[in-house]
């Protein structure tokens, strides 16, 4: 027998905000949010993504990035320099690897004639 579908629930913007703030304040996981508020984890995650609430762990929010701290400026400068240098490094390393595979000479090998 097919499983009965649950009626689709629509939440107001105020309800979403309340749930997101409570989850962030209490440090709830998606499963805990589901148990407490009845919101499916996928719905909770989509709300978080749309609101920009608590991005991935270990990453700073947009407010920190906008503040322009010295660490952020340094990271940006390093990333920029790496983007400039990386293509040449990759090209050099691939060339060295190809040389090690196919030999040091650039041309094709010719057969010796027996005559």
C-alpha atoms as a PDB file:
ATOM      1  CA  UNK A   1       0.000   0.000   0.000  1.00  0.00           C
ATOM      2  CA  UNK A   2       1.422   3.419  -0.897  1.00  0.00           C
ATOM      3  CA  UNK A   3       2.517   5.655   1.905  1.00  0.00           C
ATOM      4  CA  UNK A   4       0.183   8.592   2.561  1.00  0.00           C
ATOM      5  CA  UNK A   5       1.712  11.912   1.614  1.00  0.00           C
ATOM      6  CA  UNK A   6       2.051  14.561   4.231  1.00  0.00           C
ATOM      7  CA  UNK A   7       0.250  17.814   3.488  1.00  0.00           C
ATOM      8  CA  UNK A   8       2.633  20.481   2.235  1.00  0.00           C
ATOM      9  CA  UNK A   9       3.269  23.088   4.881  1.00  0.00           C
ATOM     10  CA  UNK A  10       3.950  26.696   3.982  1.00  0.00           C
ATOM     11  CA  UNK A  11       5.753  28.905   6.442  1.00  0.00           C
ATOM     12  CA  UNK A  12       5.513  32.662   6.670  1.00  0.00           C
ATOM     13  CA  UNK A  13       8.651  34.764   6.522  1.00  0.00           C
ATOM     14  CA  UNK A  14       8.272  35.444  10.249  1.00  0.00           C
ATOM     15  CA  UNK A  15       8.079  31.730  11.060  1.00  0.00           C
ATOM     16  CA  UNK A  16      11.162  31.036   8.964  1.00  0.00           C
ATOM     17  CA  UNK A  17      13.086  33.829  10.662  1.00  0.00           C
ATOM     18  CA  UNK A  18      12.046  32.599  14.125  1.00  0.00           C
ATOM     19  CA  UNK A  19      13.086  29.021  13.355  1.00  0.00           C
ATOM     20  CA  UNK A  20      16.411  30.080  11.826  1.00  0.00           C
ATOM     21  CA  UNK A  21      17.255  32.386  14.730  1.00  0.00           C
ATOM     22  CA  UNK A  22      16.311  29.749  17.315  1.00  0.00           C
ATOM     23  CA  UNK A  23      18.377  27.117  15.506  1.00  0.00           C
ATOM     24  CA  UNK A  24      21.375  29.426  15.273  1.00  0.00           C
ATOM     25  CA  UNK A  25      21.086  30.607  18.880  1.00  0.00           C
ATOM     26  CA  UNK A  26      20.767  27.081  20.278  1.00  0.00           C
ATOM     27  CA  UNK A  27      23.240  25.554  17.810  1.00  0.00           C
ATOM     28  CA  UNK A  28      20.697  23.042  16.520  1.00  0.00           C
ATOM     29  CA  UNK A  29      21.401  20.552  13.761  1.00  0.00           C
ATOM     30  CA  UNK A  30      18.926  20.002  10.933  1.00  0.00           C
ATOM     31  CA  UNK A  31      17.637  16.835  12.617  1.00  0.00           C
ATOM     32  CA  UNK A  32      17.111  18.712  15.883  1.00  0.00           C
ATOM     33  CA  UNK A  33      15.250  21.455  13.980  1.00  0.00           C
ATOM     34  CA  UNK A  34      13.036  18.773  12.447  1.00  0.00           C
ATOM     35  CA  UNK A  35      12.229  17.277  15.848  1.00  0.00           C
ATOM     36  CA  UNK A  36      11.603  20.646  17.465  1.00  0.00           C
ATOM     37  CA  UNK A  37       9.769  22.517  14.700  1.00  0.00           C
ATOM     38  CA  UNK A  38       8.695  19.826  12.221  1.00  0.00           C
ATOM     39  CA  UNK A  39      10.713  21.332   9.358  1.00  0.00           C
ATOM     40  CA  UNK A  40      12.373  18.864   6.986  1.00  0.00           C
ATOM     41  CA  UNK A  41      16.179  19.154   6.910  1.00  0.00           C
ATOM     42  CA  UNK A  42      16.243  19.968   3.188  1.00  0.00           C
ATOM     43  CA  UNK A  43      13.796  22.825   3.799  1.00  0.00           C
ATOM     44  CA  UNK A  44      15.864  24.098   6.721  1.00  0.00           C
ATOM     45  CA  UNK A  45      19.046  24.023   4.625  1.00  0.00           C
ATOM     46  CA  UNK A  46      17.385  25.845   1.737  1.00  0.00           C
ATOM     47  CA  UNK A  47      16.198  28.567   4.126  1.00  0.00           C
ATOM     48  CA  UNK A  48      19.710  28.921   5.521  1.00  0.00           C
ATOM     49  CA  UNK A  49      21.165  29.165   2.043  1.00  0.00           C
ATOM     50  CA  UNK A  50      18.665  31.842   0.978  1.00  0.00           C
ATOM     51  CA  UNK A  51      19.191  33.889   4.141  1.00  0.00           C
ATOM     52  CA  UNK A  52      22.960  33.440   4.205  1.00  0.00           C
ATOM     53  CA  UNK A  53      22.758  32.303   7.825  1.00  0.00           C
ATOM     54  CA  UNK A  54      25.834  30.572   9.195  1.00  0.00           C
ATOM     55  CA  UNK A  55      27.675  29.507   6.113  1.00  0.00           C
ATOM     56  CA  UNK A  56      29.862  26.418   6.250  1.00  0.00           C
ATOM     57  CA  UNK A  57      31.765  25.829   9.432  1.00  0.00           C
ATOM     58  CA  UNK A  58      35.187  27.377   9.496  1.00  0.00           C
ATOM     59  CA  UNK A  59      34.290  30.056   6.990  1.00  0.00           C
ATOM     60  CA  UNK A  60      33.730  33.676   7.871  1.00  0.00           C
ATOM     61  CA  UNK A  61      30.438  35.334   7.065  1.00  0.00           C
ATOM     62  CA  UNK A  62      30.029  38.158   4.592  1.00  0.00           C
ATOM     63  CA  UNK A  63      30.198  40.740   7.378  1.00  0.00           C
ATOM     64  CA  UNK A  64      33.756  39.694   8.236  1.00  0.00           C
ATOM     65  CA  UNK A  65      34.794  39.755   4.599  1.00  0.00           C
ATOM     66  CA  UNK A  66      33.356  43.239   4.128  1.00  0.00           C
ATOM     67  CA  UNK A  67      35.226  44.620   7.152  1.00  0.00           C
ATOM     68  CA  UNK A  68      38.505  44.483   5.205  1.00  0.00           C
ATOM     69  CA  UNK A  69      40.699  43.154   7.986  1.00  0.00           C
ATOM     70  CA  UNK A  70      44.425  42.728   7.438  1.00  0.00           C
ATOM     71  CA  UNK A  71      44.134  38.930   7.333  1.00  0.00           C
ATOM     72  CA  UNK A  72      41.529  39.101   4.602  1.00  0.00           C
ATOM     73  CA  UNK A  73      43.629  41.524   2.554  1.00  0.00           C
ATOM     74  CA  UNK A  74      46.677  39.300   2.945  1.00  0.00           C
ATOM     75  CA  UNK A  75      44.727  36.210   1.914  1.00  0.00           C
ATOM     76  CA  UNK A  76      43.374  38.028  -1.128  1.00  0.00           C
ATOM     77  CA  UNK A  77      46.874  39.141  -2.166  1.00  0.00           C
ATOM     78  CA  UNK A  78      48.268  35.620  -1.765  1.00  0.00           C
ATOM     79  CA  UNK A  79      45.414  34.106  -3.776  1.00  0.00           C
ATOM     80  CA  UNK A  80      45.933  36.662  -6.527  1.00  0.00           C
ATOM     81  CA  UNK A  81      49.657  35.917  -6.723  1.00  0.00           C
ATOM     82  CA  UNK A  82      49.021  32.164  -6.781  1.00  0.00           C
ATOM     83  CA  UNK A  83      46.589  32.615  -9.679  1.00  0.00           C
ATOM     84  CA  UNK A  84      49.325  34.456 -11.591  1.00  0.00           C
ATOM     85  CA  UNK A  85      52.092  31.922 -10.931  1.00  0.00           C
ATOM     86  CA  UNK A  86      50.170  28.637 -10.995  1.00  0.00           C
ATOM     87  CA  UNK A  87      49.710  28.273 -14.782  1.00  0.00           C
ATOM     88  CA  UNK A  88      53.470  28.514 -15.380  1.00  0.00           C
ATOM     89  CA  UNK A  89      54.205  26.009 -12.605  1.00  0.00           C
ATOM     90  CA  UNK A  90      51.692  23.526 -14.016  1.00  0.00           C
ATOM     91  CA  UNK A  91      53.064  23.970 -17.545  1.00  0.00           C
ATOM     92  CA  UNK A  92      56.620  23.385 -16.331  1.00  0.00           C
ATOM     93  CA  UNK A  93      55.715  20.322 -14.263  1.00  0.00           C
ATOM     94  CA  UNK A  94      53.681  18.740 -17.067  1.00  0.00           C
ATOM     95  CA  UNK A  95      56.563  19.368 -19.476  1.00  0.00           C
ATOM     96  CA  UNK A  96      59.053  17.741 -17.100  1.00  0.00           C
ATOM     97  CA  UNK A  97      56.763  14.752 -16.646  1.00  0.00           C
ATOM     98  CA  UNK A  98      56.266  14.331 -20.393  1.00  0.00           C
ATOM     99  CA  UNK A  99      60.026  14.516 -20.902  1.00  0.00           C
ATOM    100  CA  UNK A 100      60.568  11.825 -18.283  1.00  0.00           C
ATOM    101  CA  UNK A 101      58.011   9.592 -20.007  1.00  0.00           C
ATOM    102  CA  UNK A 102      59.053  10.035 -23.606  1.00  0.00           C
ATOM    103  CA  UNK A 103      62.719  10.867 -23.340  1.00  0.00           C
ATOM    104  CA  UNK A 104      64.749  14.012 -23.489  1.00  0.00           C
ATOM    105  CA  UNK A 105      64.966  14.408 -27.243  1.00  0.00           C
ATOM    106  CA  UNK A 106      62.317  16.484 -28.893  1.00  0.00           C
ATOM    107  CA  UNK A 107      62.184  14.807 -32.313  1.00  0.00           C
ATOM    108  CA  UNK A 108      61.008  11.427 -33.475  1.00  0.00           C
ATOM    109  CA  UNK A 109      63.449   8.539 -33.539  1.00  0.00           C
ATOM    110  CA  UNK A 110      64.616   7.511 -36.963  1.00  0.00           C
ATOM    111  CA  UNK A 111      65.299   3.962 -37.954  1.00  0.00           C
ATOM    112  CA  UNK A 112      68.811   3.144 -38.981  1.00  0.00           C
ATOM    113  CA  UNK A 113      69.163   1.935 -42.453  1.00  0.00           C
ATOM    114  CA  UNK A 114      70.973  -1.356 -42.776  1.00  0.00           C
ATOM    115  CA  UNK A 115      72.745  -0.388 -45.980  1.00  0.00           C
END
